[in-house]
Amino acid sequence: MKRCAALLLALLMAAGPAFAQRGEREVRGAGKNQSMSKDQRQRMRDDMREVFRDRNRQDRPPARQLSPQEREQLRRDIQNANKDLRK
């Protein structure tokens, strides 16, 4: 009987922190999404999609192919800049 009581007490003491952590996790995760209505969340999603679309639509000139001489010059320029950064 004493062994059962000791085992039960040990299990309860070991399980205590696990129960405490479970409660904290529920409280932590409930804050952000619960305060926003369904319409607000949808509006936020739409806004983010629009931002990403706009970012992809920026007016950039199309990239042109570099000649081998221009590529070599660019490579040398980058190497020289990297050497200067190390100093």
PDB file of N, CA and C in Angstrom:
ATOM      1  N   MET A   1       0.821  -1.183   0.000  1.00  0.00           N
ATOM      2  CA  MET A   1       0.000   0.000   0.000  1.00  0.00           C
ATOM      3  C   MET A   1       0.871   1.255   0.000  1.00  0.00           C
ATOM      4  N   LYS A   2       1.955   1.226   0.795  1.00  0.00           N
ATOM      5  CA  LYS A   2       2.840   2.388   0.862  1.00  0.00           C
ATOM      6  C   LYS A   2       3.533   2.618  -0.479  1.00  0.00           C
ATOM      7  N   ARG A   3       3.849   1.520  -1.174  1.00  0.00           N
ATOM      8  CA  ARG A   3       4.493   1.653  -2.479  1.00  0.00           C
ATOM      9  C   ARG A   3       3.553   2.329  -3.491  1.00  0.00           C
ATOM     10  N   CYS A   4       2.281   1.929  -3.475  1.00  0.00           N
ATOM     11  CA  CYS A   4       1.304   2.529  -4.393  1.00  0.00           C
ATOM     12  C   CYS A   4       1.161   4.017  -4.109  1.00  0.00           C
ATOM     13  N   ALA A   5       1.102   4.378  -2.849  1.00  0.00           N
ATOM     14  CA  ALA A   5       0.954   5.782  -2.483  1.00  0.00           C
ATOM     15  C   ALA A   5       2.195   6.568  -2.904  1.00  0.00           C
ATOM     16  N   ALA A   6       3.375   6.000  -2.708  1.00  0.00           N
ATOM     17  CA  ALA A   6       4.614   6.678  -3.084  1.00  0.00           C
ATOM     18  C   ALA A   6       4.685   6.831  -4.604  1.00  0.00           C
ATOM     19  N   LEU A   7       4.296   5.798  -5.329  1.00  0.00           N
ATOM     20  CA  LEU A   7       4.297   5.856  -6.786  1.00  0.00           C
ATOM     21  C   LEU A   7       3.298   6.899  -7.297  1.00  0.00           C
ATOM     22  N   LEU A   8       2.118   6.910  -6.705  1.00  0.00           N
ATOM     23  CA  LEU A   8       1.102   7.882  -7.092  1.00  0.00           C
ATOM     24  C   LEU A   8       1.574   9.308  -6.803  1.00  0.00           C
ATOM     25  N   LEU A   9       2.198   9.507  -5.668  1.00  0.00           N
ATOM     26  CA  LEU A   9       2.715  10.827  -5.320  1.00  0.00           C
ATOM     27  C   LEU A   9       3.821  11.254  -6.288  1.00  0.00           C
ATOM     28  N   ALA A  10       4.695  10.341  -6.646  1.00  0.00           N
ATOM     29  CA  ALA A  10       5.775  10.652  -7.590  1.00  0.00           C
ATOM     30  C   ALA A  10       5.205  11.016  -8.965  1.00  0.00           C
ATOM     31  N   LEU A  11       4.200  10.277  -9.421  1.00  0.00           N
ATOM     32  CA  LEU A  11       3.581  10.583 -10.713  1.00  0.00           C
ATOM     33  C   LEU A  11       2.897  11.947 -10.702  1.00  0.00           C
ATOM     34  N   LEU A  12       2.216  12.255  -9.617  1.00  0.00           N
ATOM     35  CA  LEU A  12       1.549  13.557  -9.528  1.00  0.00           C
ATOM     36  C   LEU A  12       2.557  14.704  -9.512  1.00  0.00           C
ATOM     37  N   MET A  13       3.662  14.506  -8.829  1.00  0.00           N
ATOM     38  CA  MET A  13       4.677  15.558  -8.777  1.00  0.00           C
ATOM     39  C   MET A  13       5.343  15.737 -10.140  1.00  0.00           C
ATOM     40  N   ALA A  14       5.549  14.654 -10.865  1.00  0.00           N
ATOM     41  CA  ALA A  14       6.184  14.736 -12.171  1.00  0.00           C
ATOM     42  C   ALA A  14       5.240  15.329 -13.209  1.00  0.00           C
ATOM     43  N   ALA A  15       3.947  15.097 -13.065  1.00  0.00           N
ATOM     44  CA  ALA A  15       2.983  15.570 -14.051  1.00  0.00           C
ATOM     45  C   ALA A  15       2.583  17.027 -13.815  1.00  0.00           C
ATOM     46  N   GLY A  16       2.863  17.585 -12.672  1.00  0.00           N
ATOM     47  CA  GLY A  16       2.472  18.963 -12.353  1.00  0.00           C
ATOM     48  C   GLY A  16       2.971  19.991 -13.357  1.00  0.00           C
ATOM     49  N   PRO A  17       4.270  20.014 -13.676  1.00  0.00           N
ATOM     50  CA  PRO A  17       4.750  20.998 -14.657  1.00  0.00           C
ATOM     51  C   PRO A  17       4.119  20.836 -16.038  1.00  0.00           C
ATOM     52  N   ALA A  18       3.808  19.604 -16.415  1.00  0.00           N
ATOM     53  CA  ALA A  18       3.192  19.389 -17.722  1.00  0.00           C
ATOM     54  C   ALA A  18       1.807  20.028 -17.784  1.00  0.00           C
ATOM     55  N   PHE A  19       1.040  19.915 -16.713  1.00  0.00           N
ATOM     56  CA  PHE A  19      -0.277  20.549 -16.688  1.00  0.00           C
ATOM     57  C   PHE A  19      -0.152  22.064 -16.667  1.00  0.00           C
ATOM     58  N   ALA A  20       0.828  22.591 -15.990  1.00  0.00           N
ATOM     59  CA  ALA A  20       1.016  24.039 -15.921  1.00  0.00           C
ATOM     60  C   ALA A  20       1.400  24.598 -17.284  1.00  0.00           C
ATOM     61  N   GLN A  21       2.239  23.908 -18.031  1.00  0.00           N
ATOM     62  CA  GLN A  21       2.648  24.375 -19.356  1.00  0.00           C
ATOM     63  C   GLN A  21       1.483  24.376 -20.323  1.00  0.00           C
ATOM     64  N   ARG A  22       0.615  23.418 -20.239  1.00  0.00           N
ATOM     65  CA  ARG A  22      -0.511  23.339 -21.157  1.00  0.00           C
ATOM     66  C   ARG A  22      -1.406  24.564 -21.017  1.00  0.00           C
ATOM     67  N   GLY A  23      -1.629  25.021 -19.818  1.00  0.00           N
ATOM     68  CA  GLY A  23      -2.460  26.194 -19.597  1.00  0.00           C
ATOM     69  C   GLY A  23      -1.826  27.450 -20.151  1.00  0.00           C
ATOM     70  N   GLU A  24      -0.531  27.620 -20.015  1.00  0.00           N
ATOM     71  CA  GLU A  24       0.159  28.807 -20.520  1.00  0.00           C
ATOM     72  C   GLU A  24       0.086  28.880 -22.039  1.00  0.00           C
ATOM     73  N   ARG A  25       0.241  27.762 -22.695  1.00  0.00           N
ATOM     74  CA  ARG A  25       0.241  27.733 -24.145  1.00  0.00           C
ATOM     75  C   ARG A  25      -1.111  28.191 -24.683  1.00  0.00           C
ATOM     76  N   GLU A  26      -2.198  27.778 -24.058  1.00  0.00           N
ATOM     77  CA  GLU A  26      -3.526  28.177 -24.513  1.00  0.00           C
ATOM     78  C   GLU A  26      -3.721  29.673 -24.358  1.00  0.00           C
ATOM     79  N   VAL A  27      -3.255  30.237 -23.281  1.00  0.00           N
ATOM     80  CA  VAL A  27      -3.422  31.662 -23.039  1.00  0.00           C
ATOM     81  C   VAL A  27      -2.578  32.459 -24.020  1.00  0.00           C
ATOM     82  N   ARG A  28      -1.349  32.031 -24.263  1.00  0.00           N
ATOM     83  CA  ARG A  28      -0.444  32.741 -25.168  1.00  0.00           C
ATOM     84  C   ARG A  28      -0.987  32.794 -26.586  1.00  0.00           C
ATOM     85  N   GLY A  29      -1.498  31.699 -27.112  1.00  0.00           N
ATOM     86  CA  GLY A  29      -1.930  31.633 -28.491  1.00  0.00           C
ATOM     87  C   GLY A  29      -3.266  32.295 -28.765  1.00  0.00           C
ATOM     88  N   ALA A  30      -4.035  32.602 -27.739  1.00  0.00           N
ATOM     89  CA  ALA A  30      -5.377  33.116 -27.953  1.00  0.00           C
ATOM     90  C   ALA A  30      -5.419  34.611 -28.204  1.00  0.00           C
ATOM     91  N   GLY A  31      -4.340  35.346 -28.015  1.00  0.00           N
ATOM     92  CA  GLY A  31      -4.385  36.795 -28.050  1.00  0.00           C
ATOM     93  C   GLY A  31      -4.607  37.426 -29.407  1.00  0.00           C
ATOM     94  N   LYS A  32      -3.836  37.099 -30.403  1.00  0.00           N
ATOM     95  CA  LYS A  32      -3.821  37.854 -31.655  1.00  0.00           C
ATOM     96  C   LYS A  32      -5.073  37.642 -32.490  1.00  0.00           C
ATOM     97  N   ASN A  33      -5.372  36.422 -32.848  1.00  0.00           N
ATOM     98  CA  ASN A  33      -6.459  36.171 -33.788  1.00  0.00           C
ATOM     99  C   ASN A  33      -7.832  36.370 -33.157  1.00  0.00           C
ATOM    100  N   GLN A  34      -7.951  36.245 -31.859  1.00  0.00           N
ATOM    101  CA  GLN A  34      -9.250  36.368 -31.231  1.00  0.00           C
ATOM    102  C   GLN A  34      -9.762  37.792 -31.249  1.00  0.00           C
ATOM    103  N   SER A  35      -8.870  38.775 -31.267  1.00  0.00           N
ATOM    104  CA  SER A  35      -9.308  40.160 -31.225  1.00  0.00           C
ATOM    105  C   SER A  35      -9.700  40.681 -32.602  1.00  0.00           C
ATOM    106  N   MET A  36      -9.393  39.954 -33.657  1.00  0.00           N
ATOM    107  CA  MET A  36      -9.724  40.397 -35.010  1.00  0.00           C
ATOM    108  C   MET A  36     -10.981  39.684 -35.489  1.00  0.00           C
ATOM    109  N   SER A  37     -11.854  40.436 -36.134  1.00  0.00           N
ATOM    110  CA  SER A  37     -13.050  39.810 -36.688  1.00  0.00           C
ATOM    111  C   SER A  37     -12.677  39.069 -37.967  1.00  0.00           C
ATOM    112  N   LYS A  38     -13.599  38.276 -38.434  1.00  0.00           N
ATOM    113  CA  LYS A  38     -13.367  37.515 -39.656  1.00  0.00           C
ATOM    114  C   LYS A  38     -13.123  38.457 -40.834  1.00  0.00           C
ATOM    115  N   ASP A  39     -13.883  39.554 -40.887  1.00  0.00           N
ATOM    116  CA  ASP A  39     -13.710  40.524 -41.969  1.00  0.00           C
ATOM    117  C   ASP A  39     -12.341  41.196 -41.912  1.00  0.00           C
ATOM    118  N   GLN A  40     -11.879  41.502 -40.701  1.00  0.00           N
ATOM    119  CA  GLN A  40     -10.567  42.144 -40.557  1.00  0.00           C
ATOM    120  C   GLN A  40      -9.457  41.208 -41.014  1.00  0.00           C
ATOM    121  N   ARG A  41      -9.554  39.949 -40.669  1.00  0.00           N
ATOM    122  CA  ARG A  41      -8.530  38.984 -41.096  1.00  0.00           C
ATOM    123  C   ARG A  41      -8.525  38.850 -42.617  1.00  0.00           C
ATOM    124  N   GLN A  42      -9.721  38.813 -43.234  1.00  0.00           N
ATOM    125  CA  GLN A  42      -9.791  38.700 -44.681  1.00  0.00           C
ATOM    126  C   GLN A  42      -9.220  39.945 -45.341  1.00  0.00           C
ATOM    127  N   ARG A  43      -9.518  41.127 -44.780  1.00  0.00           N
ATOM    128  CA  ARG A  43      -8.984  42.359 -45.332  1.00  0.00           C
ATOM    129  C   ARG A  43      -7.459  42.374 -45.252  1.00  0.00           C
ATOM    130  N   MET A  44      -6.913  41.862 -44.137  1.00  0.00           N
ATOM    131  CA  MET A  44      -5.459  41.807 -43.977  1.00  0.00           C
ATOM    132  C   MET A  44      -4.848  40.869 -45.017  1.00  0.00           C
ATOM    133  N   ARG A  45      -5.473  39.724 -45.230  1.00  0.00           N
ATOM    134  CA  ARG A  45      -4.966  38.796 -46.253  1.00  0.00           C
ATOM    135  C   ARG A  45      -4.965  39.451 -47.632  1.00  0.00           C
ATOM    136  N   ASP A  46      -6.075  40.129 -47.955  1.00  0.00           N
ATOM    137  CA  ASP A  46      -6.161  40.793 -49.259  1.00  0.00           C
ATOM    138  C   ASP A  46      -5.097  41.876 -49.398  1.00  0.00           C
ATOM    139  N   ASP A  47      -4.877  42.641 -48.342  1.00  0.00           N
ATOM    140  CA  ASP A  47      -3.852  43.686 -48.375  1.00  0.00           C
ATOM    141  C   ASP A  47      -2.471  43.098 -48.615  1.00  0.00           C
ATOM    142  N   MET A  48      -2.171  41.994 -47.946  1.00  0.00           N
ATOM    143  CA  MET A  48      -0.857  41.375 -48.116  1.00  0.00           C
ATOM    144  C   MET A  48      -0.689  40.835 -49.533  1.00  0.00           C
ATOM    145  N   ARG A  49      -1.732  40.248 -50.095  1.00  0.00           N
ATOM    146  CA  ARG A  49      -1.648  39.770 -51.481  1.00  0.00           C
ATOM    147  C   ARG A  49      -1.365  40.932 -52.421  1.00  0.00           C
ATOM    148  N   GLU A  50      -2.043  42.059 -52.176  1.00  0.00           N
ATOM    149  CA  GLU A  50      -1.848  43.234 -53.024  1.00  0.00           C
ATOM    150  C   GLU A  50      -0.420  43.769 -52.921  1.00  0.00           C
ATOM    151  N   VAL A  51       0.142  43.756 -51.723  1.00  0.00           N
ATOM    152  CA  VAL A  51       1.523  44.218 -51.534  1.00  0.00           C
ATOM    153  C   VAL A  51       2.474  43.329 -52.325  1.00  0.00           C
ATOM    154  N   PHE A  52       2.291  42.022 -52.244  1.00  0.00           N
ATOM    155  CA  PHE A  52       3.180  41.118 -52.971  1.00  0.00           C
ATOM    156  C   PHE A  52       3.011  41.275 -54.473  1.00  0.00           C
ATOM    157  N   ARG A  53       1.773  41.494 -54.939  1.00  0.00           N
ATOM    158  CA  ARG A  53       1.552  41.723 -56.359  1.00  0.00           C
ATOM    159  C   ARG A  53       2.252  42.993 -56.819  1.00  0.00           C
ATOM    160  N   ASP A  54       2.115  44.066 -56.030  1.00  0.00           N
ATOM    161  CA  ASP A  54       2.751  45.336 -56.375  1.00  0.00           C
ATOM    162  C   ASP A  54       4.263  45.205 -56.417  1.00  0.00           C
ATOM    163  N   ARG A  55       4.812  44.441 -55.504  1.00  0.00           N
ATOM    164  CA  ARG A  55       6.257  44.263 -55.452  1.00  0.00           C
ATOM    165  C   ARG A  55       6.752  43.583 -56.728  1.00  0.00           C
ATOM    166  N   ASN A  56       5.960  42.660 -57.244  1.00  0.00           N
ATOM    167  CA  ASN A  56       6.358  41.960 -58.475  1.00  0.00           C
ATOM    168  C   ASN A  56       6.118  42.796 -59.719  1.00  0.00           C
ATOM    169  N   ARG A  57       5.250  43.808 -59.641  1.00  0.00           N
ATOM    170  CA  ARG A  57       4.902  44.623 -60.799  1.00  0.00           C
ATOM    171  C   ARG A  57       5.743  45.875 -60.949  1.00  0.00           C
ATOM    172  N   GLN A  58       6.762  46.042 -60.153  1.00  0.00           N
ATOM    173  CA  GLN A  58       7.542  47.273 -60.210  1.00  0.00           C
ATOM    174  C   GLN A  58       8.074  47.498 -61.613  1.00  0.00           C
ATOM    175  N   ASP A  59       8.143  48.779 -61.988  1.00  0.00           N
ATOM    176  CA  ASP A  59       8.609  49.128 -63.328  1.00  0.00           C
ATOM    177  C   ASP A  59      10.128  49.059 -63.375  1.00  0.00           C
ATOM    178  N   ARG A  60      10.617  47.935 -63.795  1.00  0.00           N
ATOM    179  CA  ARG A  60      12.057  47.734 -63.943  1.00  0.00           C
ATOM    180  C   ARG A  60      12.348  47.515 -65.421  1.00  0.00           C
ATOM    181  N   PRO A  61      13.441  48.053 -65.874  1.00  0.00           N
ATOM    182  CA  PRO A  61      13.799  47.743 -67.258  1.00  0.00           C
ATOM    183  C   PRO A  61      14.196  46.270 -67.354  1.00  0.00           C
ATOM    184  N   PRO A  62      13.884  45.643 -68.449  1.00  0.00           N
ATOM    185  CA  PRO A  62      14.250  44.226 -68.570  1.00  0.00           C
ATOM    186  C   PRO A  62      15.776  44.068 -68.559  1.00  0.00           C
ATOM    187  N   ALA A  63      16.222  43.021 -67.899  1.00  0.00           N
ATOM    188  CA  ALA A  63      17.664  42.767 -67.799  1.00  0.00           C
ATOM    189  C   ALA A  63      18.200  42.383 -69.173  1.00  0.00           C
ATOM    190  N   ARG A  64      19.334  42.980 -69.522  1.00  0.00           N
ATOM    191  CA  ARG A  64      19.928  42.641 -70.811  1.00  0.00           C
ATOM    192  C   ARG A  64      21.116  41.714 -70.580  1.00  0.00           C
ATOM    193  N   GLN A  65      21.432  40.950 -71.573  1.00  0.00           N
ATOM    194  CA  GLN A  65      22.547  40.012 -71.496  1.00  0.00           C
ATOM    195  C   GLN A  65      23.864  40.790 -71.574  1.00  0.00           C
ATOM    196  N   LEU A  66      24.789  40.507 -70.648  1.00  0.00           N
ATOM    197  CA  LEU A  66      26.094  41.170 -70.660  1.00  0.00           C
ATOM    198  C   LEU A  66      27.014  40.476 -71.656  1.00  0.00           C
ATOM    199  N   SER A  67      27.851  41.280 -72.267  1.00  0.00           N
ATOM    200  CA  SER A  67      28.853  40.699 -73.162  1.00  0.00           C
ATOM    201  C   SER A  67      29.933  40.041 -72.298  1.00  0.00           C
ATOM    202  N   PRO A  68      30.739  39.155 -72.861  1.00  0.00           N
ATOM    203  CA  PRO A  68      31.803  38.517 -72.066  1.00  0.00           C
ATOM    204  C   PRO A  68      32.767  39.536 -71.459  1.00  0.00           C
ATOM    205  N   GLN A  69      33.063  40.620 -72.172  1.00  0.00           N
ATOM    206  CA  GLN A  69      33.969  41.646 -71.635  1.00  0.00           C
ATOM    207  C   GLN A  69      33.322  42.361 -70.446  1.00  0.00           C
ATOM    208  N   GLU A  70      32.027  42.665 -70.562  1.00  0.00           N
ATOM    209  CA  GLU A  70      31.328  43.338 -69.458  1.00  0.00           C
ATOM    210  C   GLU A  70      31.233  42.425 -68.238  1.00  0.00           C
ATOM    211  N   ARG A  71      30.992  41.152 -68.479  1.00  0.00           N
ATOM    212  CA  ARG A  71      30.925  40.188 -67.373  1.00  0.00           C
ATOM    213  C   ARG A  71      32.257  40.103 -66.648  1.00  0.00           C
ATOM    214  N   GLU A  72      33.342  40.039 -67.418  1.00  0.00           N
ATOM    215  CA  GLU A  72      34.686  39.963 -66.837  1.00  0.00           C
ATOM    216  C   GLU A  72      34.996  41.227 -66.034  1.00  0.00           C
ATOM    217  N   GLN A  73      34.632  42.398 -66.585  1.00  0.00           N
ATOM    218  CA  GLN A  73      34.868  43.649 -65.875  1.00  0.00           C
ATOM    219  C   GLN A  73      34.056  43.690 -64.571  1.00  0.00           C
ATOM    220  N   LEU A  74      32.813  43.241 -64.615  1.00  0.00           N
ATOM    221  CA  LEU A  74      31.974  43.206 -63.417  1.00  0.00           C
ATOM    222  C   LEU A  74      32.570  42.274 -62.372  1.00  0.00           C
ATOM    223  N   ARG A  75      33.060  41.119 -62.813  1.00  0.00           N
ATOM    224  CA  ARG A  75      33.684  40.165 -61.888  1.00  0.00           C
ATOM    225  C   ARG A  75      34.896  40.786 -61.209  1.00  0.00           C
ATOM    226  N   ARG A  76      35.740  41.478 -61.994  1.00  0.00           N
ATOM    227  CA  ARG A  76      36.929  42.136 -61.419  1.00  0.00           C
ATOM    228  C   ARG A  76      36.528  43.238 -60.441  1.00  0.00           C
ATOM    229  N   ASP A  77      35.517  44.015 -60.801  1.00  0.00           N
ATOM    230  CA  ASP A  77      35.053  45.084 -59.915  1.00  0.00           C
ATOM    231  C   ASP A  77      34.569  44.525 -58.578  1.00  0.00           C
ATOM    232  N   ILE A  78      33.838  43.433 -58.642  1.00  0.00           N
ATOM    233  CA  ILE A  78      33.327  42.819 -57.409  1.00  0.00           C
ATOM    234  C   ILE A  78      34.472  42.272 -56.574  1.00  0.00           C
ATOM    235  N   GLN A  79      35.444  41.628 -57.212  1.00  0.00           N
ATOM    236  CA  GLN A  79      36.598  41.116 -56.470  1.00  0.00           C
ATOM    237  C   GLN A  79      37.372  42.249 -55.805  1.00  0.00           C
ATOM    238  N   ASN A  80      37.565  43.351 -56.522  1.00  0.00           N
ATOM    239  CA  ASN A  80      38.286  44.499 -55.942  1.00  0.00           C
ATOM    240  C   ASN A  80      37.507  45.096 -54.762  1.00  0.00           C
ATOM    241  N   ALA A  81      36.191  45.182 -54.912  1.00  0.00           N
ATOM    242  CA  ALA A  81      35.377  45.724 -53.822  1.00  0.00           C
ATOM    243  C   ALA A  81      35.450  44.809 -52.603  1.00  0.00           C
ATOM    244  N   ASN A  82      35.454  43.499 -52.828  1.00  0.00           N
ATOM    245  CA  ASN A  82      35.556  42.550 -51.720  1.00  0.00           C
ATOM    246  C   ASN A  82      36.907  42.670 -51.024  1.00  0.00           C
ATOM    247  N   LYS A  83      37.967  42.883 -51.807  1.00  0.00           N
ATOM    248  CA  LYS A  83      39.304  43.048 -51.194  1.00  0.00           C
ATOM    249  C   LYS A  83      39.328  44.300 -50.324  1.00  0.00           C
ATOM    250  N   ASP A  84      38.705  45.378 -50.821  1.00  0.00           N
ATOM    251  CA  ASP A  84      38.662  46.617 -50.040  1.00  0.00           C
ATOM    252  C   ASP A  84      37.867  46.448 -48.750  1.00  0.00           C
ATOM    253  N   LEU A  85      36.828  45.626 -48.794  1.00  0.00           N
ATOM    254  CA  LEU A  85      36.024  45.406 -47.591  1.00  0.00           C
ATOM    255  C   LEU A  85      36.796  44.651 -46.525  1.00  0.00           C
ATOM    256  N   ARG A  86      37.649  43.746 -46.916  1.00  0.00           N
ATOM    257  CA  ARG A  86      38.417  42.952 -45.959  1.00  0.00           C
ATOM    258  C   ARG A  86      39.444  43.775 -45.223  1.00  0.00           C
ATOM    259  N   LYS A  87      39.896  44.883 -45.837  1.00  0.00           N
ATOM    260  CA  LYS A  87      40.946  45.702 -45.227  1.00  0.00           C
ATOM    261  C   LYS A  87      40.477  46.476 -44.058  1.00  0.00           C
TER     262      LYS A  87
END
